[in-house]
N, C-alpha and C. Protein backbone atom coordinates (compact mmCIF):
# COMPACT_ATOMS: atom_id res chain seq x y z
N MET A 1 127.93 88.17 100.94
CA MET A 1 128.40 89.52 101.10
C MET A 1 127.34 90.31 101.86
N GLN A 2 127.69 90.84 103.03
CA GLN A 2 126.72 91.55 103.85
C GLN A 2 127.26 92.90 104.27
N ASN A 3 126.39 93.87 104.32
CA ASN A 3 126.70 95.18 104.88
C ASN A 3 125.81 95.37 106.09
N THR A 4 126.26 96.13 107.04
CA THR A 4 125.38 96.44 108.16
C THR A 4 125.11 97.93 108.17
N GLU A 5 123.94 98.28 108.65
CA GLU A 5 123.55 99.67 108.75
C GLU A 5 122.93 99.85 110.12
N LYS A 6 123.47 100.74 110.91
CA LYS A 6 122.92 101.00 112.26
C LYS A 6 121.73 101.91 112.13
N LEU A 7 120.67 101.56 112.80
CA LEU A 7 119.46 102.35 112.83
C LEU A 7 119.02 102.34 114.28
N GLY A 8 119.33 103.44 115.01
CA GLY A 8 119.09 103.44 116.43
C GLY A 8 120.02 102.43 117.08
N LYS A 9 119.48 101.59 117.97
CA LYS A 9 120.28 100.57 118.63
C LYS A 9 120.24 99.24 117.89
N LYS A 10 119.38 99.15 116.87
CA LYS A 10 119.27 97.89 116.13
C LYS A 10 120.24 97.90 114.96
N ILE A 11 120.65 96.71 114.59
CA ILE A 11 121.47 96.57 113.39
C ILE A 11 120.67 95.74 112.40
N PHE A 12 120.42 96.32 111.24
CA PHE A 12 119.69 95.60 110.19
C PHE A 12 120.69 95.13 109.15
N MET A 13 120.44 93.95 108.63
CA MET A 13 121.33 93.41 107.61
C MET A 13 120.77 93.73 106.24
N ARG A 14 121.62 94.22 105.37
CA ARG A 14 121.25 94.43 103.97
C ARG A 14 121.92 93.29 103.22
N PHE A 15 121.14 92.46 102.61
CA PHE A 15 121.69 91.30 101.90
C PHE A 15 121.88 91.63 100.45
N SER A 16 122.95 91.08 99.89
CA SER A 16 123.25 91.33 98.49
C SER A 16 122.21 90.66 97.63
N LYS A 17 122.29 90.92 96.33
CA LYS A 17 121.38 90.29 95.37
C LYS A 17 121.73 88.83 95.21
N ASP A 18 122.77 88.41 95.83
CA ASP A 18 123.28 87.05 95.75
C ASP A 18 122.36 86.08 96.53
N LYS A 19 121.81 85.12 95.84
CA LYS A 19 120.86 84.19 96.42
C LYS A 19 121.46 83.39 97.58
N GLU A 20 122.75 83.11 97.52
CA GLU A 20 123.41 82.30 98.56
C GLU A 20 123.46 83.01 99.91
N SER A 21 123.46 84.35 99.91
CA SER A 21 123.55 85.09 101.16
C SER A 21 122.18 85.66 101.62
N CYS A 22 121.13 85.34 100.89
CA CYS A 22 119.80 85.91 101.18
C CYS A 22 119.11 85.15 102.30
N LEU A 23 118.65 85.86 103.31
CA LEU A 23 117.94 85.28 104.44
C LEU A 23 116.71 84.51 104.00
N PHE A 24 115.89 85.07 103.11
CA PHE A 24 114.67 84.42 102.71
C PHE A 24 114.88 83.30 101.70
N CYS A 25 116.01 83.28 101.03
CA CYS A 25 116.32 82.14 100.13
C CYS A 25 116.85 80.95 100.92
N ASN A 26 117.23 81.20 102.15
CA ASN A 26 117.83 80.16 102.99
C ASN A 26 117.10 79.97 104.30
N LEU A 27 115.77 79.99 104.24
CA LEU A 27 114.97 79.81 105.43
C LEU A 27 115.08 78.39 105.97
N PRO A 28 115.31 78.26 107.27
CA PRO A 28 115.26 76.91 107.88
C PRO A 28 113.82 76.37 107.72
N SER A 29 113.66 75.11 107.44
CA SER A 29 112.35 74.55 107.20
C SER A 29 111.39 74.73 108.40
N GLU A 30 111.92 74.77 109.62
CA GLU A 30 111.07 74.92 110.78
C GLU A 30 110.43 76.32 110.87
N ARG A 31 110.94 77.30 110.12
CA ARG A 31 110.32 78.63 110.11
C ARG A 31 109.13 78.71 109.18
N ILE A 32 109.02 77.78 108.24
CA ILE A 32 108.01 77.83 107.22
C ILE A 32 106.70 77.23 107.73
N ILE A 33 105.66 78.05 107.80
CA ILE A 33 104.34 77.61 108.27
C ILE A 33 103.61 76.92 107.12
N LYS A 34 103.71 77.52 105.95
CA LYS A 34 103.05 76.99 104.75
C LYS A 34 103.89 77.33 103.55
N LYS A 35 103.95 76.39 102.61
CA LYS A 35 104.70 76.58 101.37
C LYS A 35 103.74 76.35 100.21
N THR A 36 103.77 77.25 99.23
CA THR A 36 102.96 77.10 98.04
C THR A 36 103.89 77.08 96.84
N LYS A 37 103.35 77.13 95.66
CA LYS A 37 104.15 77.08 94.45
C LYS A 37 105.16 78.24 94.41
N HIS A 38 104.75 79.43 94.81
CA HIS A 38 105.59 80.62 94.68
C HIS A 38 106.03 81.27 96.01
N PHE A 39 105.43 80.84 97.12
CA PHE A 39 105.66 81.58 98.36
C PHE A 39 105.84 80.68 99.59
N ASN A 40 106.51 81.26 100.58
CA ASN A 40 106.56 80.70 101.92
C ASN A 40 105.82 81.65 102.85
N ILE A 41 105.10 81.10 103.80
CA ILE A 41 104.45 81.91 104.82
C ILE A 41 105.20 81.62 106.13
N ILE A 42 105.67 82.70 106.76
CA ILE A 42 106.46 82.58 107.99
C ILE A 42 106.00 83.64 109.00
N LYS A 43 106.30 83.41 110.27
CA LYS A 43 106.09 84.43 111.29
C LYS A 43 107.27 85.41 111.25
N ASP A 44 106.97 86.68 111.47
CA ASP A 44 108.03 87.70 111.50
C ASP A 44 108.86 87.48 112.77
N LEU A 45 110.18 87.55 112.64
CA LEU A 45 111.05 87.36 113.80
C LEU A 45 110.99 88.54 114.78
N TYR A 46 110.58 89.71 114.28
CA TYR A 46 110.48 90.90 115.11
C TYR A 46 109.06 91.48 114.96
N PRO A 47 108.06 90.76 115.48
CA PRO A 47 106.67 91.13 115.21
C PRO A 47 106.26 92.48 115.78
N ILE A 48 105.49 93.21 114.99
CA ILE A 48 104.89 94.47 115.41
C ILE A 48 103.70 94.19 116.31
N SER A 49 102.98 93.13 116.00
CA SER A 49 101.85 92.73 116.82
C SER A 49 101.80 91.20 116.87
N LYS A 50 100.99 90.69 117.78
CA LYS A 50 100.82 89.23 117.90
C LYS A 50 100.28 88.67 116.59
N GLY A 51 100.99 87.72 115.99
CA GLY A 51 100.55 87.10 114.75
C GLY A 51 101.16 87.70 113.49
N HIS A 52 102.00 88.72 113.62
CA HIS A 52 102.64 89.37 112.46
C HIS A 52 103.27 88.29 111.58
N THR A 53 102.84 88.23 110.33
CA THR A 53 103.22 87.17 109.41
C THR A 53 103.79 87.76 108.11
N LEU A 54 104.68 87.02 107.50
CA LEU A 54 105.26 87.42 106.22
C LEU A 54 104.92 86.41 105.15
N ILE A 55 104.72 86.89 103.95
CA ILE A 55 104.64 86.03 102.77
C ILE A 55 105.87 86.39 101.95
N THR A 56 106.77 85.44 101.75
CA THR A 56 108.03 85.68 101.04
C THR A 56 108.04 84.86 99.76
N SER A 57 108.58 85.44 98.72
CA SER A 57 108.69 84.68 97.46
C SER A 57 109.74 83.57 97.63
N ILE A 58 109.47 82.42 97.04
CA ILE A 58 110.43 81.33 97.09
C ILE A 58 111.61 81.67 96.19
N ASN A 59 111.32 82.15 94.98
CA ASN A 59 112.41 82.57 94.10
C ASN A 59 112.90 83.95 94.51
N HIS A 60 114.14 84.22 94.19
CA HIS A 60 114.80 85.45 94.62
C HIS A 60 114.41 86.63 93.75
N TYR A 61 113.29 87.27 94.11
CA TYR A 61 112.85 88.52 93.48
C TYR A 61 112.98 89.61 94.54
N ARG A 62 113.32 90.80 94.11
CA ARG A 62 113.41 91.89 95.08
C ARG A 62 112.13 92.70 95.17
N TYR A 63 111.54 93.00 94.02
CA TYR A 63 110.39 93.89 93.98
C TYR A 63 109.11 93.17 93.62
N LEU A 64 107.98 93.73 94.03
CA LEU A 64 106.67 93.23 93.64
C LEU A 64 106.58 93.18 92.12
N ARG A 65 107.08 94.20 91.46
CA ARG A 65 107.02 94.28 89.99
C ARG A 65 107.83 93.20 89.28
N ASP A 66 108.70 92.52 90.01
CA ASP A 66 109.50 91.45 89.41
C ASP A 66 108.78 90.09 89.42
N LEU A 67 107.73 89.97 90.24
CA LEU A 67 107.03 88.69 90.34
C LEU A 67 106.32 88.36 89.03
N PRO A 68 106.35 87.09 88.63
CA PRO A 68 105.56 86.69 87.46
C PRO A 68 104.07 86.87 87.75
N GLU A 69 103.28 87.08 86.70
CA GLU A 69 101.86 87.35 86.86
C GLU A 69 101.15 86.23 87.63
N GLU A 70 101.53 85.00 87.37
CA GLU A 70 100.93 83.86 88.09
C GLU A 70 101.18 83.97 89.60
N ALA A 71 102.38 84.42 89.96
CA ALA A 71 102.73 84.57 91.38
C ALA A 71 101.93 85.71 92.03
N VAL A 72 101.73 86.79 91.30
CA VAL A 72 100.96 87.93 91.83
C VAL A 72 99.53 87.48 92.16
N LYS A 73 98.94 86.70 91.25
CA LYS A 73 97.58 86.21 91.50
C LYS A 73 97.56 85.30 92.74
N GLU A 74 98.54 84.44 92.86
CA GLU A 74 98.62 83.56 94.04
C GLU A 74 98.82 84.37 95.30
N LEU A 75 99.64 85.41 95.24
CA LEU A 75 99.94 86.24 96.40
C LEU A 75 98.67 86.81 97.02
N TRP A 76 97.80 87.41 96.23
CA TRP A 76 96.64 88.06 96.79
C TRP A 76 95.64 87.05 97.35
N SER A 77 95.60 85.89 96.75
CA SER A 77 94.79 84.80 97.30
C SER A 77 95.33 84.37 98.66
N LEU A 78 96.67 84.26 98.77
CA LEU A 78 97.33 83.90 100.03
C LEU A 78 97.10 84.95 101.11
N VAL A 79 97.06 86.21 100.73
CA VAL A 79 96.81 87.28 101.72
C VAL A 79 95.46 87.03 102.38
N ILE A 80 94.45 86.75 101.60
CA ILE A 80 93.09 86.54 102.13
C ILE A 80 93.05 85.27 103.01
N VAL A 81 93.63 84.19 102.52
CA VAL A 81 93.67 82.95 103.29
C VAL A 81 94.38 83.16 104.63
N THR A 82 95.53 83.86 104.58
CA THR A 82 96.31 84.12 105.79
C THR A 82 95.56 84.99 106.77
N GLN A 83 94.87 86.02 106.25
CA GLN A 83 94.05 86.86 107.15
C GLN A 83 93.01 86.03 107.88
N LYS A 84 92.33 85.17 107.17
CA LYS A 84 91.29 84.35 107.79
C LYS A 84 91.88 83.43 108.85
N LEU A 85 93.05 82.85 108.58
CA LEU A 85 93.69 81.99 109.57
C LEU A 85 94.10 82.78 110.80
N LEU A 86 94.66 83.98 110.58
CA LEU A 86 95.08 84.82 111.71
C LEU A 86 93.90 85.30 112.53
N MET A 87 92.79 85.61 111.86
CA MET A 87 91.59 86.05 112.62
C MET A 87 91.09 84.94 113.53
N LYS A 88 91.16 83.73 113.02
CA LYS A 88 90.72 82.59 113.81
C LYS A 88 91.68 82.29 114.97
N GLU A 89 92.99 82.33 114.67
CA GLU A 89 93.99 81.97 115.70
C GLU A 89 94.19 83.09 116.73
N TYR A 90 94.19 84.34 116.30
CA TYR A 90 94.55 85.44 117.21
C TYR A 90 93.38 86.34 117.57
N VAL A 91 92.22 86.12 116.99
CA VAL A 91 91.03 86.90 117.25
C VAL A 91 91.33 88.41 117.10
N CYS A 92 91.99 88.73 116.00
CA CYS A 92 92.28 90.12 115.70
C CYS A 92 91.11 90.74 114.97
N SER A 93 91.02 92.05 114.97
CA SER A 93 89.89 92.71 114.33
C SER A 93 90.16 93.15 112.90
N ASP A 94 91.35 93.61 112.60
CA ASP A 94 91.67 94.15 111.28
C ASP A 94 93.16 93.92 111.00
N PHE A 95 93.63 94.49 109.85
CA PHE A 95 95.01 94.26 109.44
C PHE A 95 95.61 95.47 108.77
N ASN A 96 96.90 95.61 108.91
CA ASN A 96 97.69 96.43 108.01
C ASN A 96 98.44 95.45 107.13
N ILE A 97 98.42 95.70 105.84
CA ILE A 97 99.12 94.84 104.88
C ILE A 97 100.10 95.74 104.16
N GLY A 98 101.38 95.37 104.17
CA GLY A 98 102.35 96.27 103.59
C GLY A 98 103.51 95.58 102.89
N ILE A 99 104.06 96.33 101.93
CA ILE A 99 105.24 95.88 101.19
C ILE A 99 106.21 97.07 101.19
N ASN A 100 107.40 96.87 101.72
CA ASN A 100 108.45 97.85 101.60
C ASN A 100 109.20 97.50 100.31
N ASP A 101 108.88 98.19 99.22
CA ASP A 101 109.28 97.80 97.88
C ASP A 101 110.52 98.57 97.45
N GLY A 102 111.68 98.21 98.00
CA GLY A 102 112.95 98.86 97.70
C GLY A 102 113.50 99.61 98.90
N SER A 103 114.78 99.90 98.85
CA SER A 103 115.47 100.55 99.98
C SER A 103 114.87 101.88 100.36
N ASP A 104 114.51 102.70 99.37
CA ASP A 104 113.92 104.03 99.68
C ASP A 104 112.56 103.89 100.36
N ALA A 105 111.94 102.74 100.25
CA ALA A 105 110.66 102.47 100.89
C ALA A 105 110.84 101.71 102.22
N GLY A 106 112.09 101.53 102.64
CA GLY A 106 112.37 100.90 103.92
C GLY A 106 112.66 99.42 103.88
N GLN A 107 112.80 98.84 102.69
CA GLN A 107 113.10 97.42 102.58
C GLN A 107 114.50 97.14 103.14
N THR A 108 114.61 96.24 104.10
CA THR A 108 115.91 95.93 104.71
C THR A 108 116.45 94.56 104.30
N ILE A 109 115.58 93.72 103.77
CA ILE A 109 116.02 92.44 103.20
C ILE A 109 115.63 92.50 101.71
N ASN A 110 116.64 92.45 100.88
CA ASN A 110 116.44 92.65 99.45
C ASN A 110 115.86 91.42 98.77
N HIS A 111 114.71 91.01 99.27
CA HIS A 111 114.00 89.85 98.75
C HIS A 111 112.51 90.17 98.98
N PHE A 112 111.68 89.95 97.98
CA PHE A 112 110.27 90.31 98.11
C PHE A 112 109.61 89.62 99.31
N HIS A 113 108.92 90.43 100.10
CA HIS A 113 108.10 89.91 101.19
C HIS A 113 106.99 90.90 101.50
N LEU A 114 105.86 90.35 101.92
CA LEU A 114 104.69 91.16 102.23
C LEU A 114 104.35 90.92 103.71
N HIS A 115 104.08 92.00 104.42
CA HIS A 115 103.73 91.94 105.84
C HIS A 115 102.23 91.87 106.00
N ILE A 116 101.76 90.96 106.83
CA ILE A 116 100.37 90.96 107.27
C ILE A 116 100.40 91.16 108.78
N ILE A 117 99.95 92.34 109.18
CA ILE A 117 100.06 92.76 110.59
C ILE A 117 98.68 92.82 111.21
N PRO A 118 98.37 91.84 112.08
CA PRO A 118 97.07 91.88 112.77
C PRO A 118 96.95 93.12 113.65
N ARG A 119 95.75 93.69 113.66
CA ARG A 119 95.48 94.82 114.51
C ARG A 119 94.37 94.45 115.48
N TYR A 120 94.42 95.07 116.64
CA TYR A 120 93.49 94.74 117.72
C TYR A 120 92.84 96.03 118.22
N GLU A 121 91.59 95.95 118.54
CA GLU A 121 90.90 97.12 119.07
C GLU A 121 91.67 97.66 120.26
N GLY A 122 91.97 98.95 120.20
CA GLY A 122 92.67 99.60 121.29
C GLY A 122 94.18 99.39 121.32
N ASP A 123 94.77 98.77 120.28
CA ASP A 123 96.22 98.51 120.31
C ASP A 123 97.05 99.80 120.20
N VAL A 124 96.48 100.85 119.61
CA VAL A 124 97.07 102.17 119.64
C VAL A 124 95.96 103.17 119.93
N LYS A 125 96.33 104.33 120.41
CA LYS A 125 95.34 105.33 120.81
C LYS A 125 94.43 105.73 119.67
N ASN A 126 95.02 106.02 118.50
CA ASN A 126 94.23 106.44 117.35
C ASN A 126 94.85 105.85 116.08
N PRO A 127 94.28 104.80 115.54
CA PRO A 127 94.86 104.16 114.36
C PRO A 127 94.57 104.88 113.04
N LYS A 128 93.79 105.95 113.09
CA LYS A 128 93.38 106.66 111.88
C LYS A 128 94.59 107.03 111.02
N GLY A 129 94.52 106.73 109.77
CA GLY A 129 95.61 107.05 108.84
C GLY A 129 96.52 105.88 108.55
N GLY A 130 96.57 104.90 109.44
CA GLY A 130 97.34 103.68 109.20
C GLY A 130 98.69 103.89 108.58
N VAL A 131 98.86 103.33 107.37
CA VAL A 131 100.17 103.36 106.69
C VAL A 131 100.56 104.78 106.27
N ARG A 132 99.68 105.71 106.28
CA ARG A 132 100.02 107.09 105.91
C ARG A 132 101.05 107.67 106.88
N TRP A 133 101.21 107.06 108.05
CA TRP A 133 102.14 107.59 109.06
C TRP A 133 103.59 107.29 108.75
N ILE A 134 103.86 106.67 107.60
CA ILE A 134 105.30 106.47 107.22
C ILE A 134 105.97 107.80 106.96
N ILE A 135 105.18 108.81 106.58
CA ILE A 135 105.69 110.18 106.44
C ILE A 135 104.78 111.03 107.35
N PRO A 136 105.15 111.14 108.62
CA PRO A 136 104.27 111.74 109.63
C PRO A 136 103.70 113.12 109.28
N GLU A 137 104.52 114.00 108.69
CA GLU A 137 104.02 115.35 108.42
C GLU A 137 102.96 115.37 107.31
N LYS A 138 102.76 114.26 106.62
CA LYS A 138 101.70 114.21 105.59
C LYS A 138 100.54 113.31 105.99
N ALA A 139 100.65 112.66 107.12
CA ALA A 139 99.65 111.67 107.52
C ALA A 139 98.31 112.26 107.90
N ASP A 140 98.33 113.28 108.69
CA ASP A 140 97.11 113.85 109.29
C ASP A 140 96.43 114.84 108.33
N TYR A 141 96.11 114.39 107.11
CA TYR A 141 95.51 115.26 106.11
C TYR A 141 94.07 115.70 106.44
N TRP A 142 93.38 114.91 107.25
CA TRP A 142 91.97 115.17 107.54
C TRP A 142 91.76 116.36 108.46
N SER A 143 92.82 116.80 109.16
CA SER A 143 92.62 117.94 110.09
C SER A 143 93.21 119.22 109.52
N LYS A 144 93.60 119.21 108.25
CA LYS A 144 94.20 120.41 107.63
C LYS A 144 93.17 121.22 106.88
């Protein structure tokens, strides 16, 4: 069961809670870079930057808060390991790490996933504030 929602010229799919229709529950094996007990590591199909990577839960959880404690511990270890691999492969300088945890937070695939977005010196004019720019009128707090 799928609904579509137009956002600009792109169409994003909102997947039901149904495991059978979930994109991340049905990943083709060739998309999986690494598989662990609780997670798959894959490249983002619509990368924000070179090397943009996702860590997706193998089991069908929607929110970070739904993950078992053992999985949460594994997740943060995987974030560090993945950062080190990306730094070596893409020679990036830093990262934005993000979770869109629910529809109101921008989650478009109703399955837990974490973004690791490599950043490069000079990739934007002024990166100050990073993730604070999700609500632009509140981002620039340092100049108020």
